[in-house]
């Protein structure tokens, strides 16, 4: 199996979206920058498998690590997620991080069979593409059936689920027209 590292910038929606496409999610927090608070706000804490405090040789590193551990404990995640402190200056914690990654990888359902979960990833990408196509259809296609469905959902005479079924039913027609 190939190892591919996906890096995202900052804390926001893209990190949450990438979570469906990766096996192990590592969130890196710098000490003293309030990254742990940003992780909470962005929902990153909920998806992280490992939380890494980098620059652990700096004064605020221990406080940041303890804060992250306390948040995991408060949310009941401390047994499923680890906090590891590392420093590239002195190498402290690097082997612990490698061990944590290897342990997490070994616990993945497909690790024993040495096959990847590419089917799951393909399904995730396909699901996103279908959702994007449906959104484009609803938002940018002047069609009386869509307009009527939206109006009825707003009025409460059509449930959202029924509206979704109508739009999904129109997808093949509009896909054929795009060819």
N, C-alpha and C. Protein backbone atom coordinates (compact mmCIF):
# COMPACT_ATOMS: atom_id res chain seq x y z
N UNK A 1 0.84 -1.17 0.00
CA UNK A 1 0.00 0.00 0.00
C UNK A 1 0.89 1.23 0.00
N UNK A 2 0.53 2.19 -0.83
CA UNK A 2 1.22 3.46 -0.87
C UNK A 2 0.79 4.36 0.27
N UNK A 3 1.73 5.12 0.78
CA UNK A 3 1.40 6.12 1.79
C UNK A 3 1.37 7.48 1.09
N UNK A 4 0.27 8.16 1.22
CA UNK A 4 0.10 9.48 0.62
C UNK A 4 -0.25 10.45 1.74
N UNK A 5 0.46 11.55 1.80
CA UNK A 5 0.20 12.55 2.82
C UNK A 5 -0.52 13.72 2.17
N UNK A 6 -1.64 14.10 2.74
CA UNK A 6 -2.42 15.23 2.26
C UNK A 6 -2.32 16.33 3.31
N UNK A 7 -1.83 17.49 2.90
CA UNK A 7 -1.72 18.60 3.84
C UNK A 7 -2.72 19.67 3.44
N UNK A 8 -3.42 20.18 4.43
CA UNK A 8 -4.33 21.30 4.19
C UNK A 8 -3.82 22.49 4.98
N UNK A 9 -4.28 23.64 4.63
CA UNK A 9 -3.81 24.87 5.27
C UNK A 9 -4.90 25.42 6.17
N UNK A 10 -4.54 25.75 7.39
CA UNK A 10 -5.49 26.40 8.28
C UNK A 10 -6.49 25.43 8.87
N UNK A 11 -7.54 25.99 9.47
CA UNK A 11 -8.61 25.19 10.03
C UNK A 11 -9.91 25.67 9.44
N UNK A 12 -10.55 24.81 8.73
CA UNK A 12 -11.80 25.20 8.10
C UNK A 12 -12.48 24.03 7.43
N UNK A 13 -13.38 24.33 6.53
CA UNK A 13 -14.21 23.32 5.89
C UNK A 13 -13.40 22.32 5.08
N UNK A 14 -12.30 22.76 4.44
CA UNK A 14 -11.55 21.83 3.60
C UNK A 14 -10.98 20.68 4.43
N UNK A 15 -10.58 20.94 5.67
CA UNK A 15 -10.06 19.87 6.52
C UNK A 15 -11.14 18.85 6.85
N UNK A 16 -12.32 19.32 7.10
CA UNK A 16 -13.42 18.42 7.41
C UNK A 16 -13.77 17.59 6.17
N UNK A 17 -13.74 18.19 4.99
CA UNK A 17 -14.05 17.47 3.76
C UNK A 17 -13.00 16.42 3.45
N UNK A 18 -11.74 16.71 3.72
CA UNK A 18 -10.65 15.77 3.46
C UNK A 18 -10.75 14.55 4.37
N UNK A 19 -11.38 14.70 5.51
CA UNK A 19 -11.46 13.61 6.49
C UNK A 19 -12.07 12.35 5.89
N UNK A 20 -13.03 12.50 5.00
CA UNK A 20 -13.67 11.33 4.39
C UNK A 20 -12.73 10.59 3.44
N UNK A 21 -11.67 11.24 3.04
CA UNK A 21 -10.81 10.67 2.01
C UNK A 21 -9.46 10.21 2.54
N UNK A 22 -9.29 10.27 3.83
CA UNK A 22 -8.01 9.88 4.42
C UNK A 22 -8.22 8.82 5.50
N UNK A 23 -7.17 8.03 5.72
CA UNK A 23 -7.25 6.97 6.72
C UNK A 23 -6.93 7.48 8.12
N UNK A 24 -5.93 8.33 8.20
CA UNK A 24 -5.50 8.86 9.50
C UNK A 24 -5.46 10.38 9.39
N UNK A 25 -6.13 11.03 10.34
CA UNK A 25 -6.16 12.49 10.36
C UNK A 25 -5.29 13.00 11.48
N UNK A 26 -4.28 13.80 11.12
CA UNK A 26 -3.37 14.37 12.10
C UNK A 26 -3.53 15.88 12.06
N UNK A 27 -3.81 16.46 13.22
CA UNK A 27 -3.93 17.91 13.32
C UNK A 27 -2.72 18.40 14.11
N UNK A 28 -2.01 19.36 13.52
CA UNK A 28 -0.81 19.92 14.14
C UNK A 28 -1.16 21.28 14.73
N UNK A 29 -0.85 21.45 16.00
CA UNK A 29 -1.10 22.71 16.70
C UNK A 29 0.22 23.30 17.18
N UNK A 30 0.41 24.58 16.93
CA UNK A 30 1.60 25.26 17.43
C UNK A 30 1.31 25.79 18.83
N UNK A 31 2.27 25.72 19.72
CA UNK A 31 2.04 26.19 21.09
C UNK A 31 1.86 27.71 21.17
N UNK A 32 0.91 28.11 22.00
CA UNK A 32 0.72 29.53 22.28
C UNK A 32 0.02 30.33 21.20
N UNK A 33 -0.46 29.69 20.15
CA UNK A 33 -1.13 30.42 19.07
C UNK A 33 -2.64 30.29 19.11
N UNK A 34 -3.13 29.54 20.08
CA UNK A 34 -4.58 29.36 20.16
C UNK A 34 -5.10 28.37 19.13
N UNK A 35 -4.20 27.57 18.53
CA UNK A 35 -4.63 26.60 17.51
C UNK A 35 -5.65 25.62 18.07
N UNK A 36 -5.52 25.28 19.37
CA UNK A 36 -6.46 24.33 19.96
C UNK A 36 -7.87 24.89 19.95
N UNK A 37 -8.00 26.20 20.12
CA UNK A 37 -9.33 26.82 20.07
C UNK A 37 -9.86 26.84 18.65
N UNK A 38 -8.99 27.10 17.69
CA UNK A 38 -9.40 27.07 16.28
C UNK A 38 -9.84 25.67 15.89
N UNK A 39 -9.17 24.67 16.43
CA UNK A 39 -9.54 23.28 16.13
C UNK A 39 -10.93 22.98 16.62
N UNK A 40 -11.28 23.50 17.79
CA UNK A 40 -12.62 23.29 18.33
C UNK A 40 -13.64 23.97 17.43
N UNK A 41 -13.38 25.22 17.09
CA UNK A 41 -14.33 26.00 16.29
C UNK A 41 -14.58 25.37 14.94
N UNK A 42 -13.55 24.83 14.34
CA UNK A 42 -13.69 24.28 12.99
C UNK A 42 -14.16 22.83 13.00
N UNK A 43 -14.32 22.23 14.16
CA UNK A 43 -14.74 20.84 14.22
C UNK A 43 -13.61 19.86 13.96
N UNK A 44 -12.39 20.37 13.90
CA UNK A 44 -11.25 19.53 13.60
C UNK A 44 -11.01 18.52 14.72
N UNK A 45 -11.24 18.94 15.94
CA UNK A 45 -11.03 18.05 17.08
C UNK A 45 -11.87 16.79 16.95
N UNK A 46 -13.04 16.92 16.35
CA UNK A 46 -13.94 15.78 16.21
C UNK A 46 -13.45 14.77 15.18
N UNK A 47 -12.64 15.21 14.22
CA UNK A 47 -12.21 14.29 13.17
C UNK A 47 -10.78 13.82 13.33
N UNK A 48 -10.00 14.50 14.19
CA UNK A 48 -8.58 14.16 14.33
C UNK A 48 -8.40 12.81 15.00
N UNK A 49 -7.48 12.02 14.45
CA UNK A 49 -7.06 10.78 15.09
C UNK A 49 -5.90 11.05 16.04
N UNK A 50 -5.02 11.93 15.60
CA UNK A 50 -3.86 12.30 16.40
C UNK A 50 -3.76 13.83 16.43
N UNK A 51 -3.50 14.34 17.59
CA UNK A 51 -3.25 15.78 17.74
C UNK A 51 -1.78 15.94 18.07
N UNK A 52 -1.08 16.72 17.27
CA UNK A 52 0.35 16.89 17.43
C UNK A 52 0.64 18.33 17.83
N UNK A 53 1.36 18.48 18.92
CA UNK A 53 1.84 19.80 19.32
C UNK A 53 3.28 19.87 18.82
N UNK A 54 3.50 20.72 17.81
CA UNK A 54 4.86 20.85 17.30
C UNK A 54 5.60 21.91 18.10
N UNK A 55 6.89 21.99 17.87
CA UNK A 55 7.72 22.96 18.60
C UNK A 55 7.61 22.74 20.11
N UNK A 56 7.65 21.47 20.50
CA UNK A 56 7.46 21.15 21.92
C UNK A 56 8.59 21.67 22.80
N UNK A 57 9.63 22.20 22.20
CA UNK A 57 10.71 22.78 22.98
C UNK A 57 10.39 24.21 23.43
N UNK A 58 9.27 24.78 22.95
CA UNK A 58 8.88 26.13 23.35
C UNK A 58 8.11 26.11 24.66
N UNK A 59 8.12 27.24 25.38
CA UNK A 59 7.51 27.29 26.72
C UNK A 59 6.03 26.93 26.79
N UNK A 60 5.21 27.33 25.84
CA UNK A 60 3.77 27.08 25.91
C UNK A 60 3.35 25.69 25.42
N UNK A 61 4.31 24.88 24.98
CA UNK A 61 3.97 23.59 24.39
C UNK A 61 3.27 22.66 25.38
N UNK A 62 3.77 22.58 26.58
CA UNK A 62 3.16 21.68 27.57
C UNK A 62 1.74 22.14 27.90
N UNK A 63 1.53 23.44 28.00
CA UNK A 63 0.19 23.97 28.27
C UNK A 63 -0.76 23.62 27.12
N UNK A 64 -0.29 23.78 25.89
CA UNK A 64 -1.12 23.45 24.73
C UNK A 64 -1.47 21.97 24.71
N UNK A 65 -0.49 21.11 24.96
CA UNK A 65 -0.74 19.66 24.99
C UNK A 65 -1.74 19.30 26.09
N UNK A 66 -1.56 19.89 27.26
CA UNK A 66 -2.48 19.62 28.37
C UNK A 66 -3.89 20.12 28.06
N UNK A 67 -3.99 21.26 27.39
CA UNK A 67 -5.29 21.80 27.01
C UNK A 67 -5.99 20.86 26.03
N UNK A 68 -5.24 20.37 25.05
CA UNK A 68 -5.83 19.43 24.08
C UNK A 68 -6.26 18.14 24.77
N UNK A 69 -5.44 17.61 25.67
CA UNK A 69 -5.80 16.39 26.40
C UNK A 69 -7.06 16.60 27.24
N UNK A 70 -7.16 17.78 27.87
CA UNK A 70 -8.34 18.09 28.67
C UNK A 70 -9.59 18.16 27.79
N UNK A 71 -9.45 18.75 26.60
CA UNK A 71 -10.60 18.82 25.69
C UNK A 71 -11.03 17.43 25.24
N UNK A 72 -10.06 16.57 24.95
CA UNK A 72 -10.40 15.20 24.55
C UNK A 72 -11.10 14.48 25.70
N UNK A 73 -10.59 14.65 26.90
CA UNK A 73 -11.20 14.02 28.07
C UNK A 73 -12.63 14.53 28.27
N UNK A 74 -12.80 15.84 28.15
CA UNK A 74 -14.12 16.45 28.34
C UNK A 74 -15.12 15.92 27.32
N UNK A 75 -14.66 15.67 26.12
CA UNK A 75 -15.55 15.17 25.06
C UNK A 75 -15.60 13.66 25.00
N UNK A 76 -14.87 12.97 25.88
CA UNK A 76 -14.90 11.51 25.92
C UNK A 76 -14.09 10.87 24.81
N UNK A 77 -13.11 11.57 24.26
CA UNK A 77 -12.34 11.06 23.13
C UNK A 77 -10.93 10.60 23.49
N UNK A 78 -10.53 10.70 24.75
CA UNK A 78 -9.13 10.46 25.08
C UNK A 78 -8.68 9.04 24.80
N UNK A 79 -9.59 8.08 24.76
CA UNK A 79 -9.17 6.70 24.48
C UNK A 79 -9.04 6.43 22.99
N UNK A 80 -9.69 7.23 22.17
CA UNK A 80 -9.63 7.02 20.72
C UNK A 80 -8.65 7.94 20.02
N UNK A 81 -8.22 8.97 20.69
CA UNK A 81 -7.33 9.95 20.06
C UNK A 81 -6.15 10.23 20.98
N UNK A 82 -5.01 10.51 20.39
CA UNK A 82 -3.81 10.76 21.18
C UNK A 82 -3.29 12.16 20.93
N UNK A 83 -2.61 12.70 21.93
CA UNK A 83 -1.90 13.96 21.81
C UNK A 83 -0.41 13.64 21.92
N UNK A 84 0.34 14.05 20.91
CA UNK A 84 1.77 13.79 20.88
C UNK A 84 2.49 15.12 20.69
N UNK A 85 3.51 15.35 21.50
CA UNK A 85 4.33 16.56 21.38
C UNK A 85 5.63 16.21 20.68
N UNK A 86 6.01 17.03 19.69
CA UNK A 86 7.24 16.78 18.93
C UNK A 86 8.04 18.07 18.78
N UNK A 87 9.33 17.89 18.56
CA UNK A 87 10.21 19.02 18.31
C UNK A 87 11.19 18.64 17.21
N UNK A 88 11.24 19.45 16.17
CA UNK A 88 12.23 19.19 15.13
C UNK A 88 13.61 19.71 15.55
N UNK A 89 13.63 20.59 16.54
CA UNK A 89 14.91 21.15 17.03
C UNK A 89 15.75 20.08 17.71
N UNK A 90 15.13 19.27 18.55
CA UNK A 90 15.90 18.28 19.30
C UNK A 90 15.46 16.84 19.02
N UNK A 91 14.44 16.67 18.19
CA UNK A 91 13.99 15.34 17.82
C UNK A 91 13.08 14.67 18.83
N UNK A 92 12.80 15.34 19.93
CA UNK A 92 11.93 14.75 20.96
C UNK A 92 10.54 14.48 20.40
N UNK A 93 10.02 13.33 20.70
CA UNK A 93 8.65 12.99 20.35
C UNK A 93 8.44 12.44 18.95
N UNK A 94 9.45 12.52 18.10
CA UNK A 94 9.28 12.05 16.72
C UNK A 94 9.01 10.55 16.69
N UNK A 95 9.78 9.78 17.45
CA UNK A 95 9.55 8.32 17.45
C UNK A 95 8.19 7.99 18.06
N UNK A 96 7.75 8.76 19.05
CA UNK A 96 6.42 8.54 19.64
C UNK A 96 5.33 8.83 18.60
N UNK A 97 5.55 9.85 17.77
CA UNK A 97 4.58 10.16 16.72
C UNK A 97 4.53 9.04 15.69
N UNK A 98 5.68 8.55 15.27
CA UNK A 98 5.73 7.43 14.31
C UNK A 98 5.03 6.21 14.90
N UNK A 99 5.29 5.92 16.18
CA UNK A 99 4.63 4.79 16.84
C UNK A 99 3.11 4.97 16.87
N UNK A 100 2.66 6.20 17.17
CA UNK A 100 1.21 6.48 17.23
C UNK A 100 0.57 6.32 15.85
N UNK A 101 1.27 6.77 14.81
CA UNK A 101 0.74 6.62 13.45
C UNK A 101 0.67 5.15 13.07
N UNK A 102 1.73 4.40 13.35
CA UNK A 102 1.75 2.97 13.03
C UNK A 102 0.67 2.20 13.79
N UNK A 103 0.47 2.55 15.05
CA UNK A 103 -0.57 1.88 15.84
C UNK A 103 -1.95 2.20 15.28
N UNK A 104 -2.15 3.44 14.92
CA UNK A 104 -3.45 3.84 14.35
C UNK A 104 -3.68 3.12 13.03
N UNK A 105 -2.65 3.05 12.21
CA UNK A 105 -2.76 2.38 10.91
C UNK A 105 -3.06 0.89 11.10
N UNK A 106 -2.39 0.26 12.04
CA UNK A 106 -2.60 -1.17 12.28
C UNK A 106 -4.02 -1.46 12.74
N UNK A 107 -4.65 -0.47 13.35
CA UNK A 107 -6.02 -0.67 13.86
C UNK A 107 -7.08 -0.45 12.79
N UNK A 108 -6.68 0.01 11.62
CA UNK A 108 -7.66 0.24 10.55
C UNK A 108 -8.20 -1.09 10.06
N UNK A 109 -9.48 -1.12 9.66
CA UNK A 109 -10.11 -2.38 9.26
C UNK A 109 -9.42 -3.08 8.10
N UNK A 110 -8.86 -2.34 7.17
CA UNK A 110 -8.26 -2.97 6.00
C UNK A 110 -6.79 -3.29 6.19
N UNK A 111 -6.17 -2.89 7.30
CA UNK A 111 -4.73 -3.07 7.50
C UNK A 111 -4.33 -4.54 7.46
N UNK A 112 -5.14 -5.41 8.02
CA UNK A 112 -4.80 -6.84 8.06
C UNK A 112 -4.82 -7.46 6.68
N UNK A 113 -5.67 -6.97 5.80
CA UNK A 113 -5.77 -7.56 4.48
C UNK A 113 -4.85 -6.89 3.47
N UNK A 114 -4.17 -5.83 3.87
CA UNK A 114 -3.28 -5.03 3.03
C UNK A 114 -3.95 -4.59 1.73
N UNK A 115 -5.23 -4.32 1.77
CA UNK A 115 -5.91 -3.70 0.65
C UNK A 115 -6.39 -2.33 1.11
N UNK A 116 -6.50 -1.44 0.18
CA UNK A 116 -6.91 -0.09 0.58
C UNK A 116 -8.42 0.05 0.56
N UNK A 117 -8.85 1.13 1.08
CA UNK A 117 -10.28 1.44 1.10
C UNK A 117 -10.62 2.35 -0.07
N UNK A 118 -10.00 2.09 -1.22
CA UNK A 118 -10.21 2.98 -2.36
C UNK A 118 -11.66 2.97 -2.81
N UNK A 119 -12.38 1.87 -2.59
CA UNK A 119 -13.80 1.85 -2.93
C UNK A 119 -14.56 2.88 -2.11
N UNK A 120 -14.25 2.96 -0.83
CA UNK A 120 -14.88 3.95 0.03
C UNK A 120 -14.55 5.36 -0.40
N UNK A 121 -13.30 5.59 -0.79
CA UNK A 121 -12.89 6.92 -1.24
C UNK A 121 -13.60 7.27 -2.54
N UNK A 122 -13.66 6.31 -3.45
CA UNK A 122 -14.33 6.56 -4.72
C UNK A 122 -15.80 6.87 -4.49
N UNK A 123 -16.41 6.18 -3.57
CA UNK A 123 -17.80 6.46 -3.23
C UNK A 123 -17.95 7.87 -2.67
N UNK A 124 -17.01 8.28 -1.82
CA UNK A 124 -17.07 9.63 -1.26
C UNK A 124 -16.97 10.68 -2.35
N UNK A 125 -16.03 10.50 -3.25
CA UNK A 125 -15.88 11.47 -4.34
C UNK A 125 -17.11 11.48 -5.23
N UNK A 126 -17.62 10.30 -5.55
CA UNK A 126 -18.81 10.22 -6.40
C UNK A 126 -20.00 10.88 -5.71
N UNK A 127 -20.16 10.64 -4.43
CA UNK A 127 -21.26 11.25 -3.68
C UNK A 127 -21.15 12.77 -3.72
N UNK A 128 -19.94 13.28 -3.58
CA UNK A 128 -19.76 14.74 -3.64
C UNK A 128 -20.10 15.28 -5.03
N UNK A 129 -19.69 14.55 -6.07
CA UNK A 129 -19.99 14.98 -7.44
C UNK A 129 -21.49 14.98 -7.70
N UNK A 130 -22.18 13.95 -7.21
CA UNK A 130 -23.63 13.89 -7.38
C UNK A 130 -24.29 15.05 -6.63
N UNK A 131 -23.83 15.31 -5.42
CA UNK A 131 -24.38 16.43 -4.64
C UNK A 131 -24.14 17.75 -5.35
N UNK A 132 -22.95 17.93 -5.92
CA UNK A 132 -22.65 19.16 -6.66
C UNK A 132 -23.54 19.30 -7.89
N UNK A 133 -23.75 18.18 -8.59
CA UNK A 133 -24.61 18.21 -9.78
C UNK A 133 -26.05 18.55 -9.39
N UNK A 134 -26.53 17.96 -8.32
CA UNK A 134 -27.89 18.25 -7.87
C UNK A 134 -28.02 19.70 -7.42
N UNK A 135 -27.02 20.21 -6.72
CA UNK A 135 -27.04 21.61 -6.28
C UNK A 135 -27.04 22.55 -7.49
N UNK A 136 -26.21 22.25 -8.48
CA UNK A 136 -26.18 23.09 -9.69
C UNK A 136 -27.53 23.06 -10.40
N UNK A 137 -28.13 21.89 -10.44
CA UNK A 137 -29.45 21.76 -11.06
C UNK A 137 -30.47 22.64 -10.36
N UNK A 138 -30.52 22.57 -9.05
CA UNK A 138 -31.50 23.34 -8.29
C UNK A 138 -31.22 24.84 -8.37
N UNK A 139 -29.96 25.21 -8.27
CA UNK A 139 -29.60 26.62 -8.18
C UNK A 139 -29.53 27.34 -9.53
N UNK A 140 -29.21 26.62 -10.59
CA UNK A 140 -28.91 27.31 -11.85
C UNK A 140 -29.70 26.85 -13.06
N UNK A 141 -30.70 26.02 -12.85
CA UNK A 141 -31.47 25.52 -13.99
C UNK A 141 -32.89 26.06 -13.92
N UNK A 142 -33.26 26.90 -14.89
CA UNK A 142 -34.64 27.41 -14.90
C UNK A 142 -35.59 26.32 -15.44
N UNK A 143 -36.21 25.61 -14.55
CA UNK A 143 -37.11 24.53 -14.93
C UNK A 143 -38.35 24.65 -14.05
N UNK A 144 -39.51 24.58 -14.64
CA UNK A 144 -40.76 24.77 -13.90
C UNK A 144 -40.94 23.73 -12.80
N UNK A 145 -40.46 22.50 -13.03
CA UNK A 145 -40.61 21.45 -12.01
C UNK A 145 -39.78 21.76 -10.76
N UNK A 146 -38.59 22.28 -10.99
CA UNK A 146 -37.74 22.63 -9.86
C UNK A 146 -38.32 23.84 -9.13
N UNK A 147 -38.72 24.84 -9.90
CA UNK A 147 -39.30 26.05 -9.30
C UNK A 147 -40.55 25.70 -8.48
N UNK A 148 -41.40 24.85 -9.03
CA UNK A 148 -42.62 24.45 -8.33
C UNK A 148 -42.29 23.66 -7.06
N UNK A 149 -41.28 22.80 -7.13
CA UNK A 149 -40.89 22.01 -5.96
C UNK A 149 -40.35 22.91 -4.86
N UNK A 150 -39.48 23.85 -5.24
CA UNK A 150 -38.93 24.78 -4.25
C UNK A 150 -40.06 25.57 -3.59
N UNK A 151 -40.97 26.07 -4.40
CA UNK A 151 -42.08 26.86 -3.87
C UNK A 151 -42.94 26.02 -2.91
N UNK A 152 -43.21 24.78 -3.28
CA UNK A 152 -44.04 23.93 -2.43
C UNK A 152 -43.34 23.57 -1.12
N UNK A 153 -42.01 23.37 -1.16
CA UNK A 153 -41.26 23.09 0.06
C UNK A 153 -41.32 24.32 0.97
N UNK A 154 -41.13 25.49 0.40
CA UNK A 154 -41.20 26.73 1.18
C UNK A 154 -42.57 26.91 1.81
N UNK A 155 -43.62 26.59 1.05
CA UNK A 155 -44.99 26.73 1.55
C UNK A 155 -45.37 25.64 2.56
N UNK A 156 -44.60 24.56 2.57
CA UNK A 156 -44.89 23.47 3.49
C UNK A 156 -45.84 22.44 2.92
N UNK A 157 -46.18 22.53 1.63
CA UNK A 157 -47.08 21.55 1.03
C UNK A 157 -46.33 20.35 0.43
N UNK A 158 -45.00 20.44 0.46
CA UNK A 158 -44.15 19.35 -0.03
C UNK A 158 -43.01 19.21 0.98
N UNK A 159 -42.76 17.98 1.41
CA UNK A 159 -41.66 17.79 2.37
C UNK A 159 -40.33 17.95 1.64
N UNK A 160 -39.29 18.21 2.43
CA UNK A 160 -37.96 18.31 1.84
C UNK A 160 -37.57 16.99 1.18
N UNK A 161 -37.92 15.88 1.82
CA UNK A 161 -37.59 14.57 1.26
C UNK A 161 -38.26 14.37 -0.10
N UNK A 162 -39.51 14.81 -0.22
CA UNK A 162 -40.22 14.70 -1.50
C UNK A 162 -39.57 15.61 -2.53
N UNK A 163 -39.16 16.80 -2.11
CA UNK A 163 -38.46 17.72 -3.02
C UNK A 163 -37.16 17.12 -3.52
N UNK A 164 -36.43 16.48 -2.61
CA UNK A 164 -35.18 15.83 -3.00
C UNK A 164 -35.46 14.73 -4.01
N UNK A 165 -36.50 13.94 -3.78
CA UNK A 165 -36.84 12.87 -4.73
C UNK A 165 -37.16 13.42 -6.10
N UNK A 166 -37.83 14.54 -6.16
CA UNK A 166 -38.15 15.16 -7.46
C UNK A 166 -36.87 15.57 -8.17
N UNK A 167 -35.97 16.24 -7.45
CA UNK A 167 -34.71 16.69 -8.06
C UNK A 167 -33.87 15.50 -8.50
N UNK A 168 -33.76 14.49 -7.65
CA UNK A 168 -32.98 13.30 -8.00
C UNK A 168 -33.58 12.63 -9.24
N UNK A 169 -34.89 12.61 -9.33
CA UNK A 169 -35.54 12.05 -10.50
C UNK A 169 -35.25 12.81 -11.78
N UNK A 170 -34.95 14.09 -11.67
CA UNK A 170 -34.63 14.90 -12.84
C UNK A 170 -33.16 14.79 -13.28
N UNK A 171 -32.31 14.31 -12.41
CA UNK A 171 -30.87 14.26 -12.73
C UNK A 171 -30.56 13.52 -14.04
N UNK A 172 -31.14 12.33 -14.30
CA UNK A 172 -30.80 11.65 -15.57
C UNK A 172 -31.17 12.50 -16.79
N UNK A 173 -32.32 13.15 -16.73
CA UNK A 173 -32.76 13.99 -17.86
C UNK A 173 -31.78 15.13 -18.13
N UNK A 174 -31.37 15.79 -17.05
CA UNK A 174 -30.47 16.92 -17.22
C UNK A 174 -29.05 16.47 -17.56
N UNK A 175 -28.63 15.31 -17.06
CA UNK A 175 -27.33 14.77 -17.40
C UNK A 175 -27.28 14.42 -18.89
N UNK A 176 -28.36 13.84 -19.41
CA UNK A 176 -28.42 13.50 -20.84
C UNK A 176 -28.37 14.75 -21.69
N UNK A 177 -29.00 15.81 -21.23
CA UNK A 177 -29.03 17.07 -21.99
C UNK A 177 -27.66 17.73 -22.02
N UNK A 178 -26.81 17.45 -21.03
CA UNK A 178 -25.47 18.06 -20.96
C UNK A 178 -24.48 17.38 -21.86
N UNK A 179 -24.81 16.18 -22.35
CA UNK A 179 -23.86 15.42 -23.19
C UNK A 179 -23.70 16.05 -24.54
